[in-house]
C-alpha cells in the first residue's frame, strides 16, 4: 500500500485488495494512494498474476487521460464554456462527414466501432480546458513545451461501449474467472485500448475547433485501465497509470489542481502510479450530502473560479470536488514513496461533463477544409 498513515483509505478497498491477492496465480498487488472500492475489484491498483483475469481490468478498457496543448487568444471561462460542442453526440460518418475533427482519424477506426466516437461518457470522465499554474521542474516542463500560463486540454475518457462489450462476452460464459484464451482476449483488449486513445484525440479536436484553435498531438496520453504482459506475467491495471518512465497526468477534481508528474515507479509498485484523486464518497453519499450542502449553481462555479458545463444535476452532485480525496495528499504520497516527481500543476478554467443545451452551441465549421468522414 503506497499511502501515508494520514491518507484516506477505505477498509472495503483494502479488503478487495486482499481478495484479489488470494486469486490463483496472483504474484503481487500494489495499491496506489487513490485506492477506493470498485465493482468486484479495487480501483487504484496494479495486480500482477500468472493468470489473466478480465474482470480486474473491468469494462472501460482503454480508459485514460491525455493532455493537449492549445493556443487561444483569450481565455475567458464564461465565453469559452458556451462554445463547447455537444460531446454526448457521436460523430456520424455520413451526417458529420464535413466535421473537421475527422482529420485526426488516420485510417480505419479500431474494431470498426463507430458507436460513441467523439463522446466523453459519464461518471468521472471529462474534457477540461486548464491553465498551467506552478512549474516544479522547469527543464522537464520545457521538454514538453510547457510554461506557466500555457493552456492545455485534459481529456479523460475510455472505449465508450467497446470495452463493455468485450468484458460482457467473457463474463457471460466465464464470470469472474480467468480468460481461457489469453491471446484472443488480448487481441480484442488491444483494439479497445487503441480506440480509447483515438477517442481522446477526436474529443480534443472537436473542442479545439469549437474554441477557434487547431488540434495537435498530445504531449501525454496514458491509459489506466488495461493489462499488459510484463516480465512473464499479466500486469492488470485498474485506475492505475503506467509509471515506468512515463509522464502521467494525475487528475484532481473540477475544483482543484491536477498534476503532471514524471513517473519512475519500480517493481515494488508494479511499475505504476495513481491516476487521480480517488473517490472518498460513493455516488449515493455524494448525492445525499451534496444536496444538503450545495445548490446547483454553487456547483457550476468552483472554488478556483472555473466553470462546470454539466446539464445533469445528479451528476453535478455525484462528481462534486468534496466527493474526492485531496489531490495534494495523493501527490505527496507518490513523492514520499519515490514513485513520481511533479513537473507542473494545472488549474481548471472550464470542465465539461455533459452538454448544457441552454448554453452550448454547435461549432462553426466555416473555413475548415479537407475534413472527411469514415465508413
Protein backbone atom coordinates (compact mmCIF):
# COMPACT_ATOMS: atom_id res chain seq x y z
CA UNK A 1 0.00 0.00 0.00
CA UNK A 2 1.66 3.21 -1.21
CA UNK A 3 -0.06 5.70 1.07
CA UNK A 4 0.83 7.53 4.25
CA UNK A 5 -0.96 6.79 7.56
CA UNK A 6 -2.90 10.05 7.20
CA UNK A 7 -4.33 9.18 3.78
CA UNK A 8 -7.99 8.28 3.44
CA UNK A 9 -8.17 4.58 2.51
CA UNK A 10 -11.46 2.71 2.94
CA UNK A 11 -11.34 -0.67 4.64
CA UNK A 12 -13.56 -2.05 1.86
CA UNK A 13 -10.89 -1.16 -0.69
CA UNK A 14 -8.19 -2.92 1.33
CA UNK A 15 -10.47 -5.94 1.67
CA UNK A 16 -10.84 -6.06 -2.12
CA UNK A 17 -7.05 -5.95 -2.48
CA UNK A 18 -6.76 -8.91 -0.10
CA UNK A 19 -9.39 -10.82 -2.07
CA UNK A 20 -7.52 -10.17 -5.30
CA UNK A 21 -4.23 -11.22 -3.67
CA UNK A 22 -5.80 -14.60 -2.88
CA UNK A 23 -6.69 -15.37 -6.51
CA UNK A 24 -4.96 -18.29 -8.21
CA UNK A 25 -1.72 -17.18 -9.83
CA UNK A 26 -1.59 -13.75 -8.18
CA UNK A 27 2.01 -12.66 -7.62
CA UNK A 28 1.84 -9.09 -6.33
CA UNK A 29 -0.81 -6.43 -5.68
CA UNK A 30 0.26 -2.78 -5.44
CA UNK A 31 -2.31 -0.30 -4.13
CA UNK A 32 -1.98 3.38 -5.00
CA UNK A 33 -2.84 6.31 -2.70
CA UNK A 34 -6.06 6.96 -4.66
CA UNK A 35 -7.32 3.44 -3.87
CA UNK A 36 -11.08 3.04 -3.45
CA UNK A 37 -13.61 0.20 -3.81
CA UNK A 38 -14.81 -0.82 -7.25
CA UNK A 39 -17.32 -3.30 -8.63
CA UNK A 40 -15.66 -6.59 -7.72
CA UNK A 41 -12.12 -5.24 -7.85
CA UNK A 42 -10.30 -2.28 -6.32
CA UNK A 43 -9.79 0.93 -8.29
CA UNK A 44 -6.31 2.39 -7.96
CA UNK A 45 -4.41 -0.90 -8.02
CA UNK A 46 -1.88 -2.72 -10.20
CA UNK A 47 -2.09 -6.51 -10.00
CA UNK A 48 0.49 -8.95 -11.40
CA UNK A 49 -0.56 -12.55 -11.99
CA UNK A 50 0.39 -15.61 -13.98
CA UNK A 51 -3.32 -15.84 -14.85
CA UNK A 52 -5.22 -13.24 -16.92
CA UNK A 53 -8.42 -12.04 -15.22
CA UNK A 54 -10.53 -9.74 -17.45
CA UNK A 55 -12.66 -8.54 -14.52
CA UNK A 56 -9.57 -6.96 -12.95
CA UNK A 57 -9.39 -4.55 -15.89
CA UNK A 58 -13.15 -4.02 -15.95
CA UNK A 59 -15.46 -2.83 -18.68
CA UNK A 60 -13.88 0.50 -19.60
CA UNK A 61 -10.81 -0.99 -21.25
CA UNK A 62 -8.59 1.73 -22.65
CA UNK A 63 -9.76 4.49 -20.33
CA UNK A 64 -7.02 7.05 -19.85
CA UNK A 65 -6.03 10.71 -19.67
CA UNK A 66 -4.40 12.75 -22.43
CA UNK A 67 -3.04 16.30 -22.37
CA UNK A 68 -3.10 18.51 -25.49
CA UNK A 69 -1.54 21.97 -25.76
CA UNK A 70 -3.98 24.56 -27.12
CA UNK A 71 -3.43 28.18 -28.14
CA UNK A 72 -6.23 30.71 -27.65
CA UNK A 73 -6.09 34.49 -27.91
CA UNK A 74 -8.19 35.00 -24.78
CA UNK A 75 -9.28 32.51 -22.14
CA UNK A 76 -12.46 33.89 -20.60
CA UNK A 77 -14.22 30.90 -18.96
CA UNK A 78 -17.75 32.29 -19.38
CA UNK A 79 -17.30 32.78 -23.11
CA UNK A 80 -15.46 29.52 -23.74
CA UNK A 81 -17.91 27.39 -21.73
CA UNK A 82 -20.70 28.44 -24.08
CA UNK A 83 -18.68 27.32 -27.11
CA UNK A 84 -18.04 23.72 -26.07
CA UNK A 85 -19.74 21.35 -28.54
CA UNK A 86 -22.24 18.66 -27.58
CA UNK A 87 -19.90 15.80 -26.65
CA UNK A 88 -22.79 13.47 -25.94
CA UNK A 89 -23.48 13.37 -29.65
CA UNK A 90 -21.26 10.94 -31.54
CA UNK A 91 -19.75 11.83 -34.89
CA UNK A 92 -21.73 10.22 -37.68
CA UNK A 93 -19.72 9.26 -40.79
CA UNK A 94 -22.50 10.46 -43.09
CA UNK A 95 -24.23 13.30 -41.27
CA UNK A 96 -20.94 14.72 -39.98
CA UNK A 97 -18.76 13.90 -42.97
CA UNK A 98 -17.62 17.54 -43.14
CA UNK A 99 -16.68 17.78 -39.46
CA UNK A 100 -13.02 18.84 -39.25
CA UNK A 101 -12.39 16.54 -36.27
CA UNK A 102 -12.16 13.60 -38.68
CA UNK A 103 -8.71 14.87 -39.63
CA UNK A 104 -7.24 13.16 -36.54
CA UNK A 105 -8.61 9.77 -37.64
CA UNK A 106 -5.77 8.49 -39.84
CA UNK A 107 -7.48 5.35 -41.13
CA UNK A 108 -9.95 2.72 -40.04
CA UNK A 109 -11.47 3.04 -36.58
CA UNK A 110 -10.27 0.15 -34.33
CA UNK A 111 -12.72 -2.78 -34.33
CA UNK A 112 -14.92 -0.75 -36.70
CA UNK A 113 -16.56 0.63 -33.56
CA UNK A 114 -18.23 3.92 -34.51
CA UNK A 115 -20.76 3.96 -31.67
CA UNK A 116 -19.90 6.79 -29.35
CA UNK A 117 -16.92 8.08 -31.32
CA UNK A 118 -16.10 11.59 -30.15
CA UNK A 119 -18.19 11.37 -26.97
CA UNK A 120 -16.86 11.77 -23.44
CA UNK A 121 -19.13 9.44 -21.47
CA UNK A 122 -20.41 9.67 -17.92
CA UNK A 123 -19.09 9.11 -14.41
CA UNK A 124 -15.75 10.77 -13.79
CA UNK A 125 -14.97 11.34 -17.47
CA UNK A 126 -14.43 14.92 -18.59
CA UNK A 127 -12.83 17.31 -21.04
CA UNK A 128 -11.17 20.27 -19.36
CA UNK A 129 -9.60 23.49 -20.51
CA UNK A 130 -6.91 24.27 -17.95
CA UNK A 131 -4.03 26.66 -17.38
CA UNK A 132 -0.55 25.61 -16.34
CA UNK A 133 -0.14 27.04 -12.86
CA UNK A 134 3.01 26.07 -10.97
CA UNK A 135 6.11 24.76 -12.72
CA UNK A 136 8.04 22.43 -10.39
CA UNK A 137 10.63 21.16 -12.88
CA UNK A 138 11.40 23.83 -15.47
CA UNK A 139 13.73 21.63 -17.52
CA UNK A 140 11.22 18.78 -17.83
CA UNK A 141 8.36 21.19 -18.50
CA UNK A 142 10.40 22.83 -21.24
CA UNK A 143 10.96 19.46 -22.92
CA UNK A 144 7.18 19.07 -23.01
CA UNK A 145 6.80 22.59 -24.37
CA UNK A 146 5.04 23.88 -21.24
CA UNK A 147 5.42 27.14 -19.37
CA UNK A 148 3.40 28.81 -16.63
CA UNK A 149 0.25 30.34 -18.09
CA UNK A 150 0.03 27.97 -21.07
CA UNK A 151 -3.35 26.44 -21.88
CA UNK A 152 -3.99 22.72 -22.21
CA UNK A 153 -6.94 20.43 -22.90
CA UNK A 154 -7.15 17.49 -20.50
CA UNK A 155 -9.26 14.61 -21.82
CA UNK A 156 -10.35 11.69 -19.61
CA UNK A 157 -12.36 9.07 -21.48
CA UNK A 158 -12.32 5.43 -22.49
CA UNK A 159 -13.64 2.95 -25.03
CA UNK A 160 -17.31 4.00 -24.90
CA UNK A 161 -19.06 0.63 -25.00
CA UNK A 162 -16.42 -1.38 -26.85
CA UNK A 163 -14.69 -2.48 -23.65
CA UNK A 164 -18.01 -3.25 -22.03
CA UNK A 165 -18.91 -5.49 -24.97
CA UNK A 166 -15.59 -7.32 -24.63
CA UNK A 167 -16.00 -7.89 -20.88
CA UNK A 168 -19.63 -8.98 -21.24
CA UNK A 169 -18.70 -11.60 -23.83
CA UNK A 170 -16.26 -13.05 -21.30
CA UNK A 171 -18.39 -12.84 -18.14
CA UNK A 172 -21.49 -14.35 -19.79
CA UNK A 173 -19.51 -17.58 -20.13
CA UNK A 174 -16.77 -17.44 -17.52
CA UNK A 175 -17.99 -14.96 -14.90
CA UNK A 176 -15.07 -13.55 -12.89
CA UNK A 177 -12.88 -16.45 -13.95
CA UNK A 178 -9.69 -16.42 -15.97
CA UNK A 179 -9.54 -15.86 -19.71
CA UNK A 180 -9.41 -19.35 -21.27
CA UNK A 181 -7.66 -17.96 -24.35
CA UNK A 182 -5.48 -15.03 -23.19
CA UNK A 183 -4.23 -14.26 -26.70
CA UNK A 184 -7.76 -13.89 -28.05
CA UNK A 185 -8.77 -11.63 -25.16
CA UNK A 186 -5.62 -9.53 -25.54
CA UNK A 187 -6.29 -9.01 -29.24
CA UNK A 188 -9.75 -7.58 -28.52
CA UNK A 189 -8.42 -5.70 -25.49
CA UNK A 190 -5.68 -4.04 -27.56
CA UNK A 191 -8.27 -2.78 -30.05
CA UNK A 192 -10.20 -1.16 -27.19
CA UNK A 193 -7.01 0.48 -25.89
CA UNK A 194 -6.29 1.91 -29.35
CA UNK A 195 -9.92 3.04 -29.65
CA UNK A 196 -9.77 4.87 -26.32
CA UNK A 197 -6.63 6.73 -27.36
CA UNK A 198 -8.18 7.67 -30.71
CA UNK A 199 -11.35 8.86 -28.99
CA UNK A 200 -9.36 11.21 -26.75
CA UNK A 201 -7.79 12.72 -29.88
CA UNK A 202 -11.17 13.14 -31.53
CA UNK A 203 -12.61 14.77 -28.41
CA UNK A 204 -9.69 17.19 -28.22
CA UNK A 205 -10.06 18.05 -31.90
CA UNK A 206 -13.80 18.70 -31.57
CA UNK A 207 -13.22 21.06 -28.66
CA UNK A 208 -10.21 22.78 -30.23
CA UNK A 209 -12.11 23.59 -33.42
CA UNK A 210 -15.13 24.79 -31.43
CA UNK A 211 -12.91 27.17 -29.47
CA UNK A 212 -11.24 28.51 -32.60
CA UNK A 213 -7.96 26.62 -32.31
CA UNK A 214 -6.18 23.94 -34.29
CA UNK A 215 -5.82 20.43 -32.81
CA UNK A 216 -2.40 19.00 -32.08
CA UNK A 217 -0.83 15.78 -30.86
CA UNK A 218 -0.98 15.01 -27.14
CA UNK A 219 2.11 15.55 -25.00
CA UNK A 220 0.78 12.94 -22.56
CA UNK A 221 -1.58 10.03 -23.24
CA UNK A 222 -1.56 7.19 -20.74
CA UNK A 223 -4.18 4.50 -20.33
CA UNK A 224 -5.02 3.41 -16.77
CA UNK A 225 -7.43 0.51 -17.42
CA UNK A 226 -5.51 -2.22 -19.21
CA UNK A 227 -3.48 -5.40 -18.93
CA UNK A 228 0.00 -5.92 -20.35
CA UNK A 229 2.41 -8.82 -20.42
CA UNK A 230 5.46 -7.80 -18.43
CA UNK A 231 8.31 -9.92 -17.08
CA UNK A 232 6.39 -13.06 -17.95
CA UNK A 233 3.22 -12.18 -16.01
CA UNK A 234 -0.04 -10.36 -16.74
CA UNK A 235 0.04 -6.91 -15.17
CA UNK A 236 -3.54 -5.72 -14.69
CA UNK A 237 -4.12 -2.04 -14.03
CA UNK A 238 -7.49 -0.68 -12.91
CA UNK A 239 -7.32 3.01 -12.19
CA UNK A 240 -3.52 2.91 -12.14
CA UNK A 241 -1.28 4.50 -14.76
CA UNK A 242 1.93 3.04 -16.18
CA UNK A 243 4.73 4.54 -14.13
CA UNK A 244 7.88 3.22 -15.74
CA UNK A 245 9.50 6.37 -17.04
CA UNK A 246 6.28 7.88 -18.39
CA UNK A 247 4.76 11.32 -17.98
CA UNK A 248 1.33 10.99 -16.36
CA UNK A 249 -1.44 13.48 -15.64
CA UNK A 250 -2.82 12.68 -12.17
CA UNK A 251 -6.26 14.27 -12.25
CA UNK A 252 -7.59 16.28 -9.35
CA UNK A 253 -11.22 17.38 -9.29
CA UNK A 254 -13.04 20.02 -11.29
CA UNK A 255 -12.44 22.40 -8.37
CA UNK A 256 -8.79 21.67 -7.63
CA UNK A 257 -5.44 21.42 -9.35
CA UNK A 258 -4.24 18.43 -11.36
CA UNK A 259 -0.59 17.38 -11.52
CA UNK A 260 1.52 16.30 -14.45
CA UNK A 261 4.24 14.08 -12.99
CA UNK A 262 7.31 12.25 -14.20
CA UNK A 263 6.67 8.69 -13.06
CA UNK A 264 9.52 6.39 -12.08
CA UNK A 265 7.82 3.56 -10.20
CA UNK A 266 9.69 0.29 -9.82
CA UNK A 267 8.67 -3.37 -9.46
CA UNK A 268 7.52 -2.97 -5.84
CA UNK A 269 4.75 -0.69 -7.16
CA UNK A 270 4.17 -2.90 -10.20
CA UNK A 271 5.65 -0.05 -12.29
CA UNK A 272 2.51 2.01 -11.68
CA UNK A 273 1.30 5.30 -10.21
CA UNK A 274 -2.02 6.83 -9.15
CA UNK A 275 -4.35 8.10 -11.87
CA UNK A 276 -6.29 10.70 -9.90
CA UNK A 277 -7.58 11.91 -6.56
CA UNK A 278 -9.73 8.82 -5.98
CA UNK A 279 -13.24 8.85 -4.54
CA UNK A 280 -13.80 9.10 -0.80
CA UNK A 281 -17.62 9.02 -1.09
CA UNK A 282 -19.88 6.69 -3.01
CA UNK A 283 -22.04 8.37 -5.60
CA UNK A 284 -25.11 7.86 -3.40
CA UNK A 285 -23.39 9.51 -0.42
CA UNK A 286 -22.09 12.36 -2.55
CA UNK A 287 -25.60 12.96 -3.91
CA UNK A 288 -27.21 12.92 -0.47
CA UNK A 289 -24.60 15.09 1.25
CA UNK A 290 -24.21 17.43 -1.69
CA UNK A 291 -27.91 18.23 -1.88
CA UNK A 292 -27.85 19.10 1.81
CA UNK A 293 -24.88 21.47 1.46
CA UNK A 294 -24.88 22.95 -2.05
CA UNK A 295 -27.15 24.37 -4.70
CA UNK A 296 -26.76 23.51 -8.37
CA UNK A 297 -25.48 26.99 -9.14
CA UNK A 298 -22.85 26.72 -6.42
CA UNK A 299 -21.50 23.58 -8.08
CA UNK A 300 -21.37 25.17 -11.53
CA UNK A 301 -18.66 27.58 -10.36
CA UNK A 302 -15.80 26.03 -8.43
CA UNK A 303 -13.64 27.38 -5.57
CA UNK A 304 -10.85 28.12 -8.08
CA UNK A 305 -13.18 30.25 -10.22
CA UNK A 306 -13.65 27.73 -13.03
CA UNK A 307 -16.95 26.81 -14.66
CA UNK A 308 -18.54 23.38 -14.98
CA UNK A 309 -20.59 22.53 -18.06
CA UNK A 310 -22.99 19.82 -16.91
CA UNK A 311 -26.66 19.55 -17.81
CA UNK A 312 -27.32 16.65 -15.42
CA UNK A 313 -27.99 17.86 -11.90
CA UNK A 314 -27.46 14.47 -10.29
CA UNK A 315 -24.03 14.15 -11.89
CA UNK A 316 -23.07 17.58 -10.58
CA UNK A 317 -23.56 16.35 -7.02
CA UNK A 318 -22.06 12.90 -7.60
CA UNK A 319 -18.89 14.44 -9.03
CA UNK A 320 -18.56 17.33 -6.58
CA UNK A 321 -14.97 18.07 -5.51
CA UNK A 322 -15.85 17.10 -1.93
CA UNK A 323 -16.59 13.53 -3.10
CA UNK A 324 -12.88 13.03 -3.81
CA UNK A 325 -9.71 12.77 -1.78
CA UNK A 326 -7.26 15.65 -1.56
CA UNK A 327 -5.13 15.53 -4.69
CA UNK A 328 -2.26 17.19 -2.79
CA UNK A 329 -2.12 14.22 -0.40
CA UNK A 330 -2.12 11.74 -3.28
CA UNK A 331 0.79 13.55 -4.92
CA UNK A 332 2.64 13.81 -1.60
CA UNK A 333 2.30 10.04 -1.16
CA UNK A 334 3.67 9.38 -4.65
CA UNK A 335 6.63 11.65 -3.90
CA UNK A 336 7.22 10.15 -0.44
CA UNK A 337 7.32 6.63 -1.87
CA UNK A 338 9.55 7.78 -4.74
CA UNK A 339 7.07 6.81 -7.41
CA UNK A 340 6.81 10.18 -9.18
CA UNK A 341 8.12 13.74 -9.32
CA UNK A 342 5.78 16.69 -10.04
CA UNK A 343 6.52 18.62 -13.23
CA UNK A 344 3.65 21.15 -13.40
CA UNK A 345 0.24 21.70 -11.87
CA UNK A 346 -2.81 22.82 -13.84
CA UNK A 347 -5.85 24.80 -12.73
CA UNK A 348 -9.22 24.25 -14.47
CA UNK A 349 -10.92 27.05 -16.39
CA UNK A 350 -13.82 25.07 -17.90
CA UNK A 351 -14.66 21.45 -17.13
CA UNK A 352 -17.11 19.74 -19.47
CA UNK A 353 -19.16 16.80 -18.16
CA UNK A 354 -22.40 16.73 -20.16
CA UNK A 355 -23.98 19.26 -22.50
CA UNK A 356 -25.84 22.21 -21.02
CA UNK A 357 -28.01 22.63 -24.06
CA UNK A 358 -29.19 26.03 -22.94
CA UNK A 359 -25.71 27.50 -23.34
CA UNK A 360 -23.75 25.31 -25.73
CA UNK A 361 -23.79 25.59 -29.48
CA UNK A 362 -22.56 23.63 -32.43
CA UNK A 363 -19.07 24.58 -33.60
CA UNK A 364 -18.62 26.92 -36.53
CA UNK A 365 -17.16 24.78 -39.32
CA UNK A 366 -16.57 27.58 -41.79
CA UNK A 367 -13.06 27.82 -43.08
CA UNK A 368 -12.10 24.20 -42.36
CA UNK A 369 -11.13 22.32 -45.48
CA UNK A 370 -10.26 18.74 -46.18
CA UNK A 371 -12.43 17.17 -43.48
CA UNK A 372 -13.81 13.79 -44.29
CA UNK A 373 -15.94 11.06 -42.80
CA UNK A 374 -15.28 7.40 -42.20
CA UNK A 375 -17.34 4.46 -43.39
